[in-house]
C-alpha atoms as a PDB file:
ATOM      1  CA  UNK A   1      63.223 110.014 -48.535  1.00  0.00           C
ATOM      2  CA  UNK A   2      59.536 109.024 -48.672  1.00  0.00           C
ATOM      3  CA  UNK A   3      57.928 107.384 -51.690  1.00  0.00           C
ATOM      4  CA  UNK A   4      56.508 110.624 -53.136  1.00  0.00           C
ATOM      5  CA  UNK A   5      59.922 112.253 -52.947  1.00  0.00           C
ATOM      6  CA  UNK A   6      61.477 109.227 -54.673  1.00  0.00           C
ATOM      7  CA  UNK A   7      59.004 109.534 -57.552  1.00  0.00           C
ATOM      8  CA  UNK A   8      59.567 113.285 -57.857  1.00  0.00           C
ATOM      9  CA  UNK A   9      63.339 112.763 -57.790  1.00  0.00           C
ATOM     10  CA  UNK A  10      63.107 110.126 -60.525  1.00  0.00           C
ATOM     11  CA  UNK A  11      60.987 112.356 -62.749  1.00  0.00           C
ATOM     12  CA  UNK A  12      63.361 115.278 -62.234  1.00  0.00           C
ATOM     13  CA  UNK A  13      66.359 113.091 -63.105  1.00  0.00           C
ATOM     14  CA  UNK A  14      64.664 111.895 -66.296  1.00  0.00           C
ATOM     15  CA  UNK A  15      63.810 115.489 -67.207  1.00  0.00           C
ATOM     16  CA  UNK A  16      67.399 116.614 -66.685  1.00  0.00           C
ATOM     17  CA  UNK A  17      68.703 113.609 -68.619  1.00  0.00           C
ATOM     18  CA  UNK A  18      66.530 114.497 -71.632  1.00  0.00           C
ATOM     19  CA  UNK A  19      67.517 118.158 -71.465  1.00  0.00           C
ATOM     20  CA  UNK A  20      71.216 117.285 -71.314  1.00  0.00           C
ATOM     21  CA  UNK A  21      70.800 115.020 -74.344  1.00  0.00           C
ATOM     22  CA  UNK A  22      69.495 117.725 -76.660  1.00  0.00           C
ATOM     23  CA  UNK A  23      65.806 117.427 -75.764  1.00  0.00           C
ATOM     24  CA  UNK A  24      64.881 120.312 -73.447  1.00  0.00           C
ATOM     25  CA  UNK A  25      61.221 120.294 -74.510  1.00  0.00           C
ATOM     26  CA  UNK A  26      60.914 116.593 -73.724  1.00  0.00           C
ATOM     27  CA  UNK A  27      62.581 117.328 -70.405  1.00  0.00           C
ATOM     28  CA  UNK A  28      60.013 120.025 -69.653  1.00  0.00           C
ATOM     29  CA  UNK A  29      57.136 117.683 -70.538  1.00  0.00           C
ATOM     30  CA  UNK A  30      58.595 115.054 -68.207  1.00  0.00           C
ATOM     31  CA  UNK A  31      59.012 117.600 -65.421  1.00  0.00           C
ATOM     32  CA  UNK A  32      55.372 118.687 -65.846  1.00  0.00           C
ATOM     33  CA  UNK A  33      54.387 115.251 -64.575  1.00  0.00           C
ATOM     34  CA  UNK A  34      55.433 116.329 -61.065  1.00  0.00           C
ATOM     35  CA  UNK A  35      52.618 118.891 -61.075  1.00  0.00           C
ATOM     36  CA  UNK A  36      50.201 116.243 -62.361  1.00  0.00           C
ATOM     37  CA  UNK A  37      50.733 114.241 -59.179  1.00  0.00           C
ATOM     38  CA  UNK A  38      48.828 116.868 -57.207  1.00  0.00           C
ATOM     39  CA  UNK A  39      45.838 116.805 -59.561  1.00  0.00           C
ATOM     40  CA  UNK A  40      42.804 114.553 -59.762  1.00  0.00           C
ATOM     41  CA  UNK A  41      43.366 112.909 -63.147  1.00  0.00           C
ATOM     42  CA  UNK A  42      43.850 109.186 -63.569  1.00  0.00           C
ATOM     43  CA  UNK A  43      47.267 109.867 -65.096  1.00  0.00           C
ATOM     44  CA  UNK A  44      48.263 111.977 -62.118  1.00  0.00           C
ATOM     45  CA  UNK A  45      47.229 109.228 -59.713  1.00  0.00           C
ATOM     46  CA  UNK A  46      49.070 106.616 -61.781  1.00  0.00           C
ATOM     47  CA  UNK A  47      52.243 108.687 -61.501  1.00  0.00           C
ATOM     48  CA  UNK A  48      51.793 109.359 -57.767  1.00  0.00           C
ATOM     49  CA  UNK A  49      51.173 105.683 -57.052  1.00  0.00           C
ATOM     50  CA  UNK A  50      53.869 104.269 -59.352  1.00  0.00           C
ATOM     51  CA  UNK A  51      54.936 100.943 -57.783  1.00  0.00           C
ATOM     52  CA  UNK A  52      58.252 100.396 -59.545  1.00  0.00           C
ATOM     53  CA  UNK A  53      61.504 102.256 -60.073  1.00  0.00           C
ATOM     54  CA  UNK A  54      60.741 105.439 -62.007  1.00  0.00           C
ATOM     55  CA  UNK A  55      63.962 105.496 -64.031  1.00  0.00           C
ATOM     56  CA  UNK A  56      64.354 101.766 -64.647  1.00  0.00           C
ATOM     57  CA  UNK A  57      60.742 101.689 -65.855  1.00  0.00           C
ATOM     58  CA  UNK A  58      61.234 104.880 -67.902  1.00  0.00           C
ATOM     59  CA  UNK A  59      57.881 105.934 -66.477  1.00  0.00           C
ATOM     60  CA  UNK A  60      58.017 109.645 -67.439  1.00  0.00           C
ATOM     61  CA  UNK A  61      58.805 108.738 -71.045  1.00  0.00           C
ATOM     62  CA  UNK A  62      55.698 106.555 -71.236  1.00  0.00           C
ATOM     63  CA  UNK A  63      53.360 109.515 -70.776  1.00  0.00           C
ATOM     64  CA  UNK A  64      55.651 111.734 -72.852  1.00  0.00           C
ATOM     65  CA  UNK A  65      55.141 109.302 -75.730  1.00  0.00           C
ATOM     66  CA  UNK A  66      51.376 109.413 -75.309  1.00  0.00           C
ATOM     67  CA  UNK A  67      51.350 113.215 -75.315  1.00  0.00           C
ATOM     68  CA  UNK A  68      53.531 113.331 -78.424  1.00  0.00           C
ATOM     69  CA  UNK A  69      51.184 110.852 -80.103  1.00  0.00           C
ATOM     70  CA  UNK A  70      48.216 113.153 -79.440  1.00  0.00           C
ATOM     71  CA  UNK A  71      50.138 116.062 -80.936  1.00  0.00           C
ATOM     72  CA  UNK A  72      51.111 114.088 -84.026  1.00  0.00           C
ATOM     73  CA  UNK A  73      47.466 113.108 -84.490  1.00  0.00           C
ATOM     74  CA  UNK A  74      46.392 116.764 -84.305  1.00  0.00           C
ATOM     75  CA  UNK A  75      44.506 116.246 -81.024  1.00  0.00           C
ATOM     76  CA  UNK A  76      46.762 118.433 -78.856  1.00  0.00           C
ATOM     77  CA  UNK A  77      48.020 121.357 -80.968  1.00  0.00           C
ATOM     78  CA  UNK A  78      48.802 123.409 -77.865  1.00  0.00           C
ATOM     79  CA  UNK A  79      51.846 121.190 -77.335  1.00  0.00           C
ATOM     80  CA  UNK A  80      53.346 122.584 -80.558  1.00  0.00           C
ATOM     81  CA  UNK A  81      54.852 125.717 -78.966  1.00  0.00           C
ATOM     82  CA  UNK A  82      56.310 123.550 -76.188  1.00  0.00           C
ATOM     83  CA  UNK A  83      57.964 121.178 -78.643  1.00  0.00           C
ATOM     84  CA  UNK A  84      59.192 124.133 -80.730  1.00  0.00           C
ATOM     85  CA  UNK A  85      60.611 125.633 -77.514  1.00  0.00           C
ATOM     86  CA  UNK A  86      58.589 128.781 -77.989  1.00  0.00           C
ATOM     87  CA  UNK A  87      57.131 128.136 -74.525  1.00  0.00           C
ATOM     88  CA  UNK A  88      59.900 127.333 -72.050  1.00  0.00           C
ATOM     89  CA  UNK A  89      58.618 128.620 -68.708  1.00  0.00           C
ATOM     90  CA  UNK A  90      58.016 125.472 -66.666  1.00  0.00           C
ATOM     91  CA  UNK A  91      54.807 126.751 -65.058  1.00  0.00           C
ATOM     92  CA  UNK A  92      53.364 127.418 -68.513  1.00  0.00           C
ATOM     93  CA  UNK A  93      54.435 123.964 -69.705  1.00  0.00           C
ATOM     94  CA  UNK A  94      52.858 122.467 -66.585  1.00  0.00           C
ATOM     95  CA  UNK A  95      49.555 124.193 -67.366  1.00  0.00           C
ATOM     96  CA  UNK A  96      49.555 123.082 -71.011  1.00  0.00           C
ATOM     97  CA  UNK A  97      50.348 119.466 -70.134  1.00  0.00           C
ATOM     98  CA  UNK A  98      47.723 119.457 -67.383  1.00  0.00           C
ATOM     99  CA  UNK A  99      45.053 120.728 -69.792  1.00  0.00           C
ATOM    100  CA  UNK A 100      45.899 118.091 -72.396  1.00  0.00           C
ATOM    101  CA  UNK A 101      45.903 115.310 -69.800  1.00  0.00           C
ATOM    102  CA  UNK A 102      42.559 116.449 -68.358  1.00  0.00           C
ATOM    103  CA  UNK A 103      41.025 116.356 -71.835  1.00  0.00           C
ATOM    104  CA  UNK A 104      42.529 112.981 -72.839  1.00  0.00           C
ATOM    105  CA  UNK A 105      42.942 111.246 -69.476  1.00  0.00           C
ATOM    106  CA  UNK A 106      41.398 107.891 -70.386  1.00  0.00           C
ATOM    107  CA  UNK A 107      43.166 107.837 -73.753  1.00  0.00           C
ATOM    108  CA  UNK A 108      46.563 108.455 -72.151  1.00  0.00           C
ATOM    109  CA  UNK A 109      46.321 105.952 -69.291  1.00  0.00           C
ATOM    110  CA  UNK A 110      47.206 102.859 -71.422  1.00  0.00           C
ATOM    111  CA  UNK A 111      50.542 104.472 -72.321  1.00  0.00           C
ATOM    112  CA  UNK A 112      51.691 103.676 -68.779  1.00  0.00           C
ATOM    113  CA  UNK A 113      51.205  99.939 -69.336  1.00  0.00           C
ATOM    114  CA  UNK A 114      54.506  99.231 -71.071  1.00  0.00           C
ATOM    115  CA  UNK A 115      57.954 100.744 -71.516  1.00  0.00           C
ATOM    116  CA  UNK A 116      58.699 103.017 -74.461  1.00  0.00           C
ATOM    117  CA  UNK A 117      59.981 101.159 -77.491  1.00  0.00           C
ATOM    118  CA  UNK A 118      62.300 103.710 -79.003  1.00  0.00           C
ATOM    119  CA  UNK A 119      64.080 101.205 -81.256  1.00  0.00           C
ATOM    120  CA  UNK A 120      66.684 103.680 -82.474  1.00  0.00           C
ATOM    121  CA  UNK A 121      68.567 102.674 -85.623  1.00  0.00           C
ATOM    122  CA  UNK A 122      71.368 105.088 -84.739  1.00  0.00           C
ATOM    123  CA  UNK A 123      72.513 102.639 -82.063  1.00  0.00           C
ATOM    124  CA  UNK A 124      73.501 100.169 -84.773  1.00  0.00           C
ATOM    125  CA  UNK A 125      76.534 102.368 -85.467  1.00  0.00           C
ATOM    126  CA  UNK A 126      77.972 101.124 -82.161  1.00  0.00           C
ATOM    127  CA  UNK A 127      77.188  97.534 -83.152  1.00  0.00           C
ATOM    128  CA  UNK A 128      78.978  97.956 -86.478  1.00  0.00           C
ATOM    129  CA  UNK A 129      82.030  99.540 -84.837  1.00  0.00           C
ATOM    130  CA  UNK A 130      82.161  96.563 -82.467  1.00  0.00           C
ATOM    131  CA  UNK A 131      81.919  94.139 -85.413  1.00  0.00           C
ATOM    132  CA  UNK A 132      84.897  95.860 -87.089  1.00  0.00           C
ATOM    133  CA  UNK A 133      86.787  95.426 -83.807  1.00  0.00           C
ATOM    134  CA  UNK A 134      85.764  91.785 -83.481  1.00  0.00           C
ATOM    135  CA  UNK A 135      86.611  90.958 -87.101  1.00  0.00           C
ATOM    136  CA  UNK A 136      90.336  90.993 -86.330  1.00  0.00           C
ATOM    137  CA  UNK A 137      89.869  88.952 -83.140  1.00  0.00           C
ATOM    138  CA  UNK A 138      87.344  86.254 -84.048  1.00  0.00           C
ATOM    139  CA  UNK A 139      86.254  85.819 -87.684  1.00  0.00           C
ATOM    140  CA  UNK A 140      85.195  88.219 -90.404  1.00  0.00           C
ATOM    141  CA  UNK A 141      81.769  86.605 -90.809  1.00  0.00           C
ATOM    142  CA  UNK A 142      78.936  87.075 -88.339  1.00  0.00           C
ATOM    143  CA  UNK A 143      75.577  85.577 -87.413  1.00  0.00           C
ATOM    144  CA  UNK A 144      73.699  88.310 -85.505  1.00  0.00           C
ATOM    145  CA  UNK A 145      71.014  87.610 -82.905  1.00  0.00           C
ATOM    146  CA  UNK A 146      69.320  90.588 -81.272  1.00  0.00           C
ATOM    147  CA  UNK A 147      67.070  90.539 -78.213  1.00  0.00           C
ATOM    148  CA  UNK A 148      64.634  93.352 -77.517  1.00  0.00           C
ATOM    149  CA  UNK A 149      64.348  94.076 -81.226  1.00  0.00           C
ATOM    150  CA  UNK A 150      61.089  96.034 -80.885  1.00  0.00           C
ATOM    151  CA  UNK A 151      60.171  96.891 -84.495  1.00  0.00           C
ATOM    152  CA  UNK A 152      63.390  95.540 -85.957  1.00  0.00           C
ATOM    153  CA  UNK A 153      65.139  98.768 -86.904  1.00  0.00           C
ATOM    154  CA  UNK A 154      68.526  97.388 -85.843  1.00  0.00           C
ATOM    155  CA  UNK A 155      67.804  94.174 -87.734  1.00  0.00           C
ATOM    156  CA  UNK A 156      68.349  96.322 -90.831  1.00  0.00           C
ATOM    157  CA  UNK A 157      71.998  96.615 -89.791  1.00  0.00           C
ATOM    158  CA  UNK A 158      73.205  95.013 -93.029  1.00  0.00           C
ATOM    159  CA  UNK A 159      71.132  97.398 -95.182  1.00  0.00           C
ATOM    160  CA  UNK A 160      72.257 100.727 -93.692  1.00  0.00           C
ATOM    161  CA  UNK A 161      75.364 102.583 -94.733  1.00  0.00           C
ATOM    162  CA  UNK A 162      77.757 103.870 -92.047  1.00  0.00           C
ATOM    163  CA  UNK A 163      80.394 106.544 -91.658  1.00  0.00           C
ATOM    164  CA  UNK A 164      82.187 105.883 -88.381  1.00  0.00           C
ATOM    165  CA  UNK A 165      84.833 108.555 -88.008  1.00  0.00           C
ATOM    166  CA  UNK A 166      85.840 108.072 -91.635  1.00  0.00           C
ATOM    167  CA  UNK A 167      85.528 104.276 -91.612  1.00  0.00           C
ATOM    168  CA  UNK A 168      82.808 103.476 -94.115  1.00  0.00           C
ATOM    169  CA  UNK A 169      80.772 100.315 -93.976  1.00  0.00           C
ATOM    170  CA  UNK A 170      77.628  98.818 -95.456  1.00  0.00           C
ATOM    171  CA  UNK A 171      76.231  98.823 -99.007  1.00  0.00           C
ATOM    172  CA  UNK A 172      77.214 101.754-101.159  1.00  0.00           C
ATOM    173  CA  UNK A 173      73.647 102.303-102.333  1.00  0.00           C
ATOM    174  CA  UNK A 174      72.083 102.204 -98.853  1.00  0.00           C
ATOM    175  CA  UNK A 175      68.869 104.270 -98.626  1.00  0.00           C
ATOM    176  CA  UNK A 176      69.896 105.414 -95.129  1.00  0.00           C
ATOM    177  CA  UNK A 177      73.416 106.354 -94.009  1.00  0.00           C
ATOM    178  CA  UNK A 178      74.137 106.537 -90.285  1.00  0.00           C
ATOM    179  CA  UNK A 179      76.968 108.927 -89.472  1.00  0.00           C
ATOM    180  CA  UNK A 180      77.179 109.775 -85.763  1.00  0.00           C
ATOM    181  CA  UNK A 181      79.420 112.524 -84.465  1.00  0.00           C
ATOM    182  CA  UNK A 182      82.527 110.427 -83.900  1.00  0.00           C
ATOM    183  CA  UNK A 183      84.744 111.228 -80.933  1.00  0.00           C
ATOM    184  CA  UNK A 184      88.189 109.720 -80.413  1.00  0.00           C
ATOM    185  CA  UNK A 185      90.097 107.539 -82.844  1.00  0.00           C
ATOM    186  CA  UNK A 186      88.223 105.780 -85.628  1.00  0.00           C
ATOM    187  CA  UNK A 187      87.386 102.107 -85.068  1.00  0.00           C
ATOM    188  CA  UNK A 188      89.375  99.434 -86.914  1.00  0.00           C
ATOM    189  CA  UNK A 189      88.579  99.252 -90.623  1.00  0.00           C
ATOM    190  CA  UNK A 190      88.784  95.448 -90.750  1.00  0.00           C
ATOM    191  CA  UNK A 191      86.120  94.350 -93.276  1.00  0.00           C
ATOM    192  CA  UNK A 192      83.476  91.795 -92.372  1.00  0.00           C
ATOM    193  CA  UNK A 193      80.369  90.127 -93.759  1.00  0.00           C
ATOM    194  CA  UNK A 194      77.015  89.622 -92.040  1.00  0.00           C
ATOM    195  CA  UNK A 195      75.671  86.177 -92.865  1.00  0.00           C
ATOM    196  CA  UNK A 196      72.304  86.455 -91.080  1.00  0.00           C
ATOM    197  CA  UNK A 197      70.328  88.738 -88.767  1.00  0.00           C
ATOM    198  CA  UNK A 198      67.539  87.557 -86.479  1.00  0.00           C
ATOM    199  CA  UNK A 199      65.737  89.096 -83.542  1.00  0.00           C
ATOM    200  CA  UNK A 200      63.077  88.631 -80.904  1.00  0.00           C
ATOM    201  CA  UNK A 201      60.931  90.781 -78.649  1.00  0.00           C
ATOM    202  CA  UNK A 202      58.264  90.078 -76.046  1.00  0.00           C
ATOM    203  CA  UNK A 203      55.987  92.504 -77.895  1.00  0.00           C
ATOM    204  CA  UNK A 204      57.341  93.043 -81.406  1.00  0.00           C
ATOM    205  CA  UNK A 205      55.995  95.964 -83.376  1.00  0.00           C
ATOM    206  CA  UNK A 206      54.865  95.347 -86.940  1.00  0.00           C
ATOM    207  CA  UNK A 207      55.503  98.653 -88.695  1.00  0.00           C
ATOM    208  CA  UNK A 208      53.585  97.446 -91.723  1.00  0.00           C
ATOM    209  CA  UNK A 209      50.570  98.389 -89.584  1.00  0.00           C
ATOM    210  CA  UNK A 210      50.139 102.170 -89.724  1.00  0.00           C
ATOM    211  CA  UNK A 211      48.855 102.461 -86.136  1.00  0.00           C
ATOM    212  CA  UNK A 212      51.860 100.540 -84.816  1.00  0.00           C
ATOM    213  CA  UNK A 213      54.226 102.699 -86.852  1.00  0.00           C
ATOM    214  CA  UNK A 214      52.557 105.848 -85.511  1.00  0.00           C
ATOM    215  CA  UNK A 215      53.032 104.645 -81.939  1.00  0.00           C
ATOM    216  CA  UNK A 216      56.708 103.955 -82.583  1.00  0.00           C
ATOM    217  CA  UNK A 217      57.173 107.442 -84.044  1.00  0.00           C
ATOM    218  CA  UNK A 218      55.494 108.944 -80.976  1.00  0.00           C
ATOM    219  CA  UNK A 219      58.289 107.667 -78.731  1.00  0.00           C
ATOM    220  CA  UNK A 220      60.868 109.670 -80.680  1.00  0.00           C
ATOM    221  CA  UNK A 221      61.704 112.887 -78.863  1.00  0.00           C
ATOM    222  CA  UNK A 222      60.199 115.780 -80.877  1.00  0.00           C
ATOM    223  CA  UNK A 223      63.516 117.654 -81.058  1.00  0.00           C
ATOM    224  CA  UNK A 224      65.319 114.791 -82.820  1.00  0.00           C
ATOM    225  CA  UNK A 225      64.740 115.485 -86.517  1.00  0.00           C
ATOM    226  CA  UNK A 226      67.420 113.045 -87.685  1.00  0.00           C
ATOM    227  CA  UNK A 227      65.735 110.237 -85.761  1.00  0.00           C
ATOM    228  CA  UNK A 228      62.434 110.792 -87.581  1.00  0.00           C
ATOM    229  CA  UNK A 229      64.240 110.548 -90.926  1.00  0.00           C
ATOM    230  CA  UNK A 230      65.959 107.305 -89.907  1.00  0.00           C
ATOM    231  CA  UNK A 231      62.730 105.812 -88.601  1.00  0.00           C
ATOM    232  CA  UNK A 232      60.821 106.703 -91.751  1.00  0.00           C
ATOM    233  CA  UNK A 233      63.582 105.150 -93.863  1.00  0.00           C
ATOM    234  CA  UNK A 234      63.587 102.013 -91.707  1.00  0.00           C
ATOM    235  CA  UNK A 235      59.821 101.622 -91.899  1.00  0.00           C
ATOM    236  CA  UNK A 236      59.974 101.933 -95.688  1.00  0.00           C
ATOM    237  CA  UNK A 237      62.758  99.338 -95.856  1.00  0.00           C
ATOM    238  CA  UNK A 238      60.835  96.823 -93.731  1.00  0.00           C
ATOM    239  CA  UNK A 239      57.683  97.363 -95.756  1.00  0.00           C
ATOM    240  CA  UNK A 240      59.706  96.671 -98.902  1.00  0.00           C
ATOM    241  CA  UNK A 241      61.387  93.569 -97.440  1.00  0.00           C
ATOM    242  CA  UNK A 242      60.705  92.285 -93.954  1.00  0.00           C
ATOM    243  CA  UNK A 243      63.075  91.284 -91.168  1.00  0.00           C
ATOM    244  CA  UNK A 244      63.366  88.017 -89.221  1.00  0.00           C
ATOM    245  CA  UNK A 245      61.634  89.097 -86.011  1.00  0.00           C
ATOM    246  CA  UNK A 246      59.652  86.785 -83.733  1.00  0.00           C
ATOM    247  CA  UNK A 247      57.738  87.110 -80.482  1.00  0.00           C
ATOM    248  CA  UNK A 248      59.665  85.328 -77.737  1.00  0.00           C
ATOM    249  CA  UNK A 249      61.153  85.594 -74.276  1.00  0.00           C
ATOM    250  CA  UNK A 250      64.784  86.689 -74.613  1.00  0.00           C
ATOM    251  CA  UNK A 251      66.235  83.965 -72.389  1.00  0.00           C
ATOM    252  CA  UNK A 252      64.301  81.166 -74.081  1.00  0.00           C
ATOM    253  CA  UNK A 253      65.107  82.483 -77.539  1.00  0.00           C
ATOM    254  CA  UNK A 254      68.828  82.819 -76.867  1.00  0.00           C
ATOM    255  CA  UNK A 255      68.952  79.284 -75.433  1.00  0.00           C
ATOM    256  CA  UNK A 256      67.368  78.003 -78.637  1.00  0.00           C
ATOM    257  CA  UNK A 257      69.755  79.989 -80.835  1.00  0.00           C
ATOM    258  CA  UNK A 258      72.800  78.712 -78.944  1.00  0.00           C
ATOM    259  CA  UNK A 259      71.596  75.138 -79.389  1.00  0.00           C
ATOM    260  CA  UNK A 260      71.470  75.422 -83.177  1.00  0.00           C
ATOM    261  CA  UNK A 261      74.342  74.175 -85.358  1.00  0.00           C
ATOM    262  CA  UNK A 262      76.902  76.911 -86.053  1.00  0.00           C
ATOM    263  CA  UNK A 263      78.680  77.306 -89.373  1.00  0.00           C
ATOM    264  CA  UNK A 264      82.462  77.053 -89.236  1.00  0.00           C
ATOM    265  CA  UNK A 265      84.189  80.381 -89.763  1.00  0.00           C
ATOM    266  CA  UNK A 266      81.164  82.330 -88.536  1.00  0.00           C
ATOM    267  CA  UNK A 267      81.074  84.124 -85.197  1.00  0.00           C
ATOM    268  CA  UNK A 268      77.721  83.811 -83.431  1.00  0.00           C
ATOM    269  CA  UNK A 269      76.787  87.154 -81.840  1.00  0.00           C
ATOM    270  CA  UNK A 270      74.253  88.150 -79.206  1.00  0.00           C
ATOM    271  CA  UNK A 271      73.561  91.879 -79.373  1.00  0.00           C
ATOM    272  CA  UNK A 272      71.203  94.284 -77.632  1.00  0.00           C
ATOM    273  CA  UNK A 273      70.824  97.975 -76.854  1.00  0.00           C
ATOM    274  CA  UNK A 274      68.988  99.755 -74.020  1.00  0.00           C
ATOM    275  CA  UNK A 275      66.951  96.650 -73.217  1.00  0.00           C
ATOM    276  CA  UNK A 276      68.788  94.915 -70.355  1.00  0.00           C
ATOM    277  CA  UNK A 277      67.109  97.065 -67.696  1.00  0.00           C
ATOM    278  CA  UNK A 278      63.704  95.774 -68.804  1.00  0.00           C
ATOM    279  CA  UNK A 279      64.650  92.076 -68.523  1.00  0.00           C
ATOM    280  CA  UNK A 280      63.786  90.551 -65.107  1.00  0.00           C
ATOM    281  CA  UNK A 281      66.850  89.604 -63.037  1.00  0.00           C
ATOM    282  CA  UNK A 282      66.116  85.884 -63.209  1.00  0.00           C
ATOM    283  CA  UNK A 283      65.989  86.012 -67.021  1.00  0.00           C
ATOM    284  CA  UNK A 284      69.188  88.082 -67.088  1.00  0.00           C
ATOM    285  CA  UNK A 285      70.852  85.366 -65.028  1.00  0.00           C
ATOM    286  CA  UNK A 286      69.608  82.699 -67.439  1.00  0.00           C
ATOM    287  CA  UNK A 287      71.051  84.551 -70.442  1.00  0.00           C
ATOM    288  CA  UNK A 288      74.349  85.095 -68.633  1.00  0.00           C
ATOM    289  CA  UNK A 289      74.571  81.409 -67.716  1.00  0.00           C
ATOM    290  CA  UNK A 290      73.683  80.260 -71.236  1.00  0.00           C
ATOM    291  CA  UNK A 291      76.276  82.537 -72.832  1.00  0.00           C
ATOM    292  CA  UNK A 292      78.980  81.539 -70.365  1.00  0.00           C
ATOM    293  CA  UNK A 293      78.253  77.855 -70.918  1.00  0.00           C
ATOM    294  CA  UNK A 294      78.240  78.276 -74.707  1.00  0.00           C
ATOM    295  CA  UNK A 295      81.413  80.339 -74.456  1.00  0.00           C
ATOM    296  CA  UNK A 296      83.105  77.398 -72.812  1.00  0.00           C
ATOM    297  CA  UNK A 297      82.381  75.341 -75.939  1.00  0.00           C
ATOM    298  CA  UNK A 298      83.446  78.051 -78.401  1.00  0.00           C
ATOM    299  CA  UNK A 299      86.414  77.431 -80.679  1.00  0.00           C
ATOM    300  CA  UNK A 300      88.429  79.522 -83.103  1.00  0.00           C
ATOM    301  CA  UNK A 301      86.339  77.965 -85.890  1.00  0.00           C
ATOM    302  CA  UNK A 302      83.040  78.678 -84.109  1.00  0.00           C
ATOM    303  CA  UNK A 303      83.523  81.731 -81.888  1.00  0.00           C
ATOM    304  CA  UNK A 304      80.890  83.427 -79.734  1.00  0.00           C
ATOM    305  CA  UNK A 305      80.551  87.145 -78.990  1.00  0.00           C
ATOM    306  CA  UNK A 306      78.288  89.401 -76.935  1.00  0.00           C
ATOM    307  CA  UNK A 307      77.820  93.063 -77.887  1.00  0.00           C
ATOM    308  CA  UNK A 308      75.866  95.246 -75.462  1.00  0.00           C
ATOM    309  CA  UNK A 309      75.087  98.946 -75.597  1.00  0.00           C
ATOM    310  CA  UNK A 310      73.451  99.467 -72.226  1.00  0.00           C
ATOM    311  CA  UNK A 311      73.018 102.042 -69.500  1.00  0.00           C
ATOM    312  CA  UNK A 312      75.462 102.036 -66.629  1.00  0.00           C
ATOM    313  CA  UNK A 313      72.912 102.351 -63.816  1.00  0.00           C
ATOM    314  CA  UNK A 314      75.429 104.182 -61.595  1.00  0.00           C
ATOM    315  CA  UNK A 315      76.547 106.845 -64.089  1.00  0.00           C
ATOM    316  CA  UNK A 316      73.659 106.697 -66.577  1.00  0.00           C
ATOM    317  CA  UNK A 317      76.198 106.665 -69.385  1.00  0.00           C
ATOM    318  CA  UNK A 318      75.479 104.326 -72.268  1.00  0.00           C
ATOM    319  CA  UNK A 319      78.426 101.970 -72.551  1.00  0.00           C
ATOM    320  CA  UNK A 320      79.440  99.748 -75.460  1.00  0.00           C
ATOM    321  CA  UNK A 321      80.890  96.525 -74.095  1.00  0.00           C
ATOM    322  CA  UNK A 322      82.014  93.391 -75.902  1.00  0.00           C
ATOM    323  CA  UNK A 323      82.817  89.885 -74.685  1.00  0.00           C
ATOM    324  CA  UNK A 324      84.058  87.044 -76.860  1.00  0.00           C
ATOM    325  CA  UNK A 325      85.023  83.376 -76.624  1.00  0.00           C
ATOM    326  CA  UNK A 326      87.526  81.833 -76.923  1.00  0.00           C
ATOM    327  CA  UNK A 327      89.333  84.824 -75.510  1.00  0.00           C
ATOM    328  CA  UNK A 328      88.386  84.812 -71.867  1.00  0.00           C
ATOM    329  CA  UNK A 329      84.922  86.305 -72.102  1.00  0.00           C
ATOM    330  CA  UNK A 330      85.824  89.356 -70.022  1.00  0.00           C
ATOM    331  CA  UNK A 331      83.791  92.457 -70.825  1.00  0.00           C
ATOM    332  CA  UNK A 332      85.809  95.086 -72.666  1.00  0.00           C
ATOM    333  CA  UNK A 333      84.628  98.687 -72.743  1.00  0.00           C
ATOM    334  CA  UNK A 334      84.937  99.891 -76.331  1.00  0.00           C
ATOM    335  CA  UNK A 335      83.113 103.184 -76.037  1.00  0.00           C
ATOM    336  CA  UNK A 336      80.242 105.324 -74.870  1.00  0.00           C
ATOM    337  CA  UNK A 337      77.371 106.573 -76.990  1.00  0.00           C
ATOM    338  CA  UNK A 338      74.501 109.008 -77.009  1.00  0.00           C
ATOM    339  CA  UNK A 339      71.261 107.309 -76.000  1.00  0.00           C
ATOM    340  CA  UNK A 340      69.876 107.699 -79.517  1.00  0.00           C
ATOM    341  CA  UNK A 341      73.047 107.419 -81.563  1.00  0.00           C
ATOM    342  CA  UNK A 342      73.845 111.114 -82.115  1.00  0.00           C
ATOM    343  CA  UNK A 343      77.478 110.572 -81.121  1.00  0.00           C
ATOM    344  CA  UNK A 344      79.898 107.786 -80.279  1.00  0.00           C
ATOM    345  CA  UNK A 345      82.996 108.190 -78.103  1.00  0.00           C
ATOM    346  CA  UNK A 346      85.362 105.423 -79.135  1.00  0.00           C
ATOM    347  CA  UNK A 347      87.644 104.082 -76.411  1.00  0.00           C
ATOM    348  CA  UNK A 348      88.595 100.787 -77.995  1.00  0.00           C
END
């Protein structure tokens, strides 16, 4: 397979993945990028000459976010019928996308410069289910440390309400309740308390800035109405009271967190979702080594845990895995989840 075929194959896979996850319009917009490769726009050339791995880089979703941003700003109304699935013929979608790109080529090019920061609060339902599971195995108090926090939507984990297959968690007066379609048995109902929540990101988004918030909203797939409601609620919550989010390299930040004194009776947790693929292999290795070393020092009074909701690169399923120390540190598969939190299949 030559390089052009590899790029086309990656775009097609991303398009199918979106369509199979309840976003056929987003899938069609991604697929339209194949036709762009044959054109003379800067965006088309950027796609055709993409140097990295199309899927790992989420390249098609970068331009999809830029196109959605134009639509939300009123600059590309012709995308409306595509997003509403009134126009579904792929050749018609191709023509609409090509016209928008030709008109806004220079404006869209910067969207290729970084991965989409979807920062979906719905993923925190998997985190909370894992904390219920951990509460009967480590302690019932947790210090949470998230890498790849983006705008900090999952750092609001202690302010959301949850309904996890009938297991309710979080404050009773929460302004946002996350209730994914729960498949399988309910998670354990063991109660727990979150003592602190902190996060880092290489390029954190400050949603108190309206332009930054608009960009974050643009990465949400247009079909996902519930995600818009959650994001709007999260933005309002952060504007009312901020989160502890700093700019930092994940490996350096985790090393610093692990070096800090740990309260007795509190489990220190590293957590992350759909971010591992964006961390360079050498930094992944550093995080793995730091966690393994810290796990060797963990005690029943000061346990350590690692919660990850990440993409299995072979199956492209999003798997919820947990490791904890003392306890061996072996990864345990607790479940699978929709990429944006619509459902959770509990296996734990």
